[in-house]
Amino acid sequence: MRPVKSARQQFAENLRHHRERLGLSQEALAEICELHRTEISLLERCKRSPRLETIVILARGLRLGSAGELLEGVI
């Protein structure tokens, strides 16, 4: 039986997956989204939970169809 991931862990994996899919560094994604690189790092390392506004900003920066793609597997 696989251990259940926390919502924060799943979001972090989704964020990293989509960022790497586009070949973006944390710094590049932060610049596109007008966020600090540290924010991306903290989110990907499960050190911070994202605000709704941040999820939307990241989804736009990652050119996703919806912000829900960052939440796949969370719910």
C-alpha atoms as a PDB file:
ATOM      1  CA  MET A   1       0.000   0.000   0.000  1.00  0.00           C
ATOM      2  CA  ARG A   2       1.355   3.427  -1.011  1.00  0.00           C
ATOM      3  CA  PRO A   3       1.569   6.103   1.659  1.00  0.00           C
ATOM      4  CA  VAL A   4      -0.890   8.937   1.123  1.00  0.00           C
ATOM      5  CA  LYS A   5       0.737  12.220   0.163  1.00  0.00           C
ATOM      6  CA  SER A   6      -0.280  15.396   1.870  1.00  0.00           C
ATOM      7  CA  ALA A   7      -1.971  18.093  -0.180  1.00  0.00           C
ATOM      8  CA  ARG A   8       1.183  20.188   0.140  1.00  0.00           C
ATOM      9  CA  GLN A   9       3.390  17.332  -1.131  1.00  0.00           C
ATOM     10  CA  GLN A  10       1.137  16.668  -4.116  1.00  0.00           C
ATOM     11  CA  PHE A  11       0.968  20.365  -5.014  1.00  0.00           C
ATOM     12  CA  ALA A  12       4.774  20.589  -4.783  1.00  0.00           C
ATOM     13  CA  GLU A  13       5.193  17.612  -7.119  1.00  0.00           C
ATOM     14  CA  ASN A  14       2.686  19.040  -9.591  1.00  0.00           C
ATOM     15  CA  LEU A  15       4.367  22.445  -9.556  1.00  0.00           C
ATOM     16  CA  ARG A  16       7.828  20.955 -10.125  1.00  0.00           C
ATOM     17  CA  HIS A  17       6.508  18.661 -12.886  1.00  0.00           C
ATOM     18  CA  HIS A  18       4.881  21.493 -14.837  1.00  0.00           C
ATOM     19  CA  ARG A  19       7.879  23.798 -14.359  1.00  0.00           C
ATOM     20  CA  GLU A  20      10.333  21.172 -15.556  1.00  0.00           C
ATOM     21  CA  ARG A  21       8.032  20.211 -18.453  1.00  0.00           C
ATOM     22  CA  LEU A  22       8.530  23.740 -19.776  1.00  0.00           C
ATOM     23  CA  GLY A  23      12.265  23.615 -19.068  1.00  0.00           C
ATOM     24  CA  LEU A  24      12.062  26.505 -16.627  1.00  0.00           C
ATOM     25  CA  SER A  25      14.283  27.087 -13.637  1.00  0.00           C
ATOM     26  CA  GLN A  26      12.715  28.244 -10.387  1.00  0.00           C
ATOM     27  CA  GLU A  27      14.179  31.663 -11.060  1.00  0.00           C
ATOM     28  CA  ALA A  28      12.706  31.830 -14.584  1.00  0.00           C
ATOM     29  CA  LEU A  29       9.255  30.805 -13.368  1.00  0.00           C
ATOM     30  CA  ALA A  30       9.447  33.348 -10.562  1.00  0.00           C
ATOM     31  CA  GLU A  31      10.312  36.077 -13.045  1.00  0.00           C
ATOM     32  CA  ILE A  32       7.435  35.131 -15.372  1.00  0.00           C
ATOM     33  CA  CYS A  33       5.008  35.123 -12.445  1.00  0.00           C
ATOM     34  CA  GLU A  34       6.489  38.201 -10.750  1.00  0.00           C
ATOM     35  CA  LEU A  35       7.167  36.189  -7.612  1.00  0.00           C
ATOM     36  CA  HIS A  36      10.404  35.773  -5.677  1.00  0.00           C
ATOM     37  CA  ARG A  37      12.469  32.678  -6.496  1.00  0.00           C
ATOM     38  CA  THR A  38      12.419  31.809  -2.820  1.00  0.00           C
ATOM     39  CA  GLU A  39       8.624  31.508  -3.007  1.00  0.00           C
ATOM     40  CA  ILE A  40       8.900  28.866  -5.754  1.00  0.00           C
ATOM     41  CA  SER A  41      11.576  27.034  -3.783  1.00  0.00           C
ATOM     42  CA  LEU A  42       9.525  27.036  -0.573  1.00  0.00           C
ATOM     43  CA  LEU A  43       6.456  25.733  -2.411  1.00  0.00           C
ATOM     44  CA  GLU A  44       8.384  22.949  -4.152  1.00  0.00           C
ATOM     45  CA  ARG A  45      10.039  21.882  -0.883  1.00  0.00           C
ATOM     46  CA  CYS A  46       6.718  21.776   1.001  1.00  0.00           C
ATOM     47  CA  LYS A  47       7.848  24.553   3.327  1.00  0.00           C
ATOM     48  CA  ARG A  48       4.934  26.822   2.477  1.00  0.00           C
ATOM     49  CA  SER A  49       1.300  26.318   1.490  1.00  0.00           C
ATOM     50  CA  PRO A  50       0.222  28.365  -1.516  1.00  0.00           C
ATOM     51  CA  ARG A  51      -2.475  31.006  -1.361  1.00  0.00           C
ATOM     52  CA  LEU A  52      -5.277  30.754  -3.914  1.00  0.00           C
ATOM     53  CA  GLU A  53      -3.985  33.846  -5.723  1.00  0.00           C
ATOM     54  CA  THR A  54      -0.516  32.272  -5.968  1.00  0.00           C
ATOM     55  CA  ILE A  55      -1.961  29.075  -7.472  1.00  0.00           C
ATOM     56  CA  VAL A  56      -3.734  31.114 -10.153  1.00  0.00           C
ATOM     57  CA  ILE A  57      -0.607  33.184 -10.895  1.00  0.00           C
ATOM     58  CA  LEU A  58       1.500  30.020 -11.204  1.00  0.00           C
ATOM     59  CA  ALA A  59      -1.046  28.317 -13.464  1.00  0.00           C
ATOM     60  CA  ARG A  60      -1.008  31.315 -15.799  1.00  0.00           C
ATOM     61  CA  GLY A  61       2.783  31.464 -15.788  1.00  0.00           C
ATOM     62  CA  LEU A  62       2.958  27.746 -16.562  1.00  0.00           C
ATOM     63  CA  ARG A  63       0.387  28.162 -19.355  1.00  0.00           C
ATOM     64  CA  LEU A  64      -1.944  25.576 -17.857  1.00  0.00           C
ATOM     65  CA  GLY A  65      -5.536  25.169 -19.009  1.00  0.00           C
ATOM     66  CA  SER A  66      -6.735  25.746 -15.461  1.00  0.00           C
ATOM     67  CA  ALA A  67      -5.350  26.223 -11.979  1.00  0.00           C
ATOM     68  CA  GLY A  68      -6.853  22.831 -11.180  1.00  0.00           C
ATOM     69  CA  GLU A  69      -3.946  21.157 -12.975  1.00  0.00           C
ATOM     70  CA  LEU A  70      -1.728  22.176 -10.070  1.00  0.00           C
ATOM     71  CA  LEU A  71      -4.161  20.450  -7.706  1.00  0.00           C
ATOM     72  CA  GLU A  72      -4.437  17.102  -9.518  1.00  0.00           C
ATOM     73  CA  GLY A  73      -4.278  14.287  -7.009  1.00  0.00           C
ATOM     74  CA  VAL A  74      -4.831  16.638  -4.079  1.00  0.00           C
ATOM     75  CA  ILE A  75      -8.577  16.192  -3.860  1.00  0.00           C
END
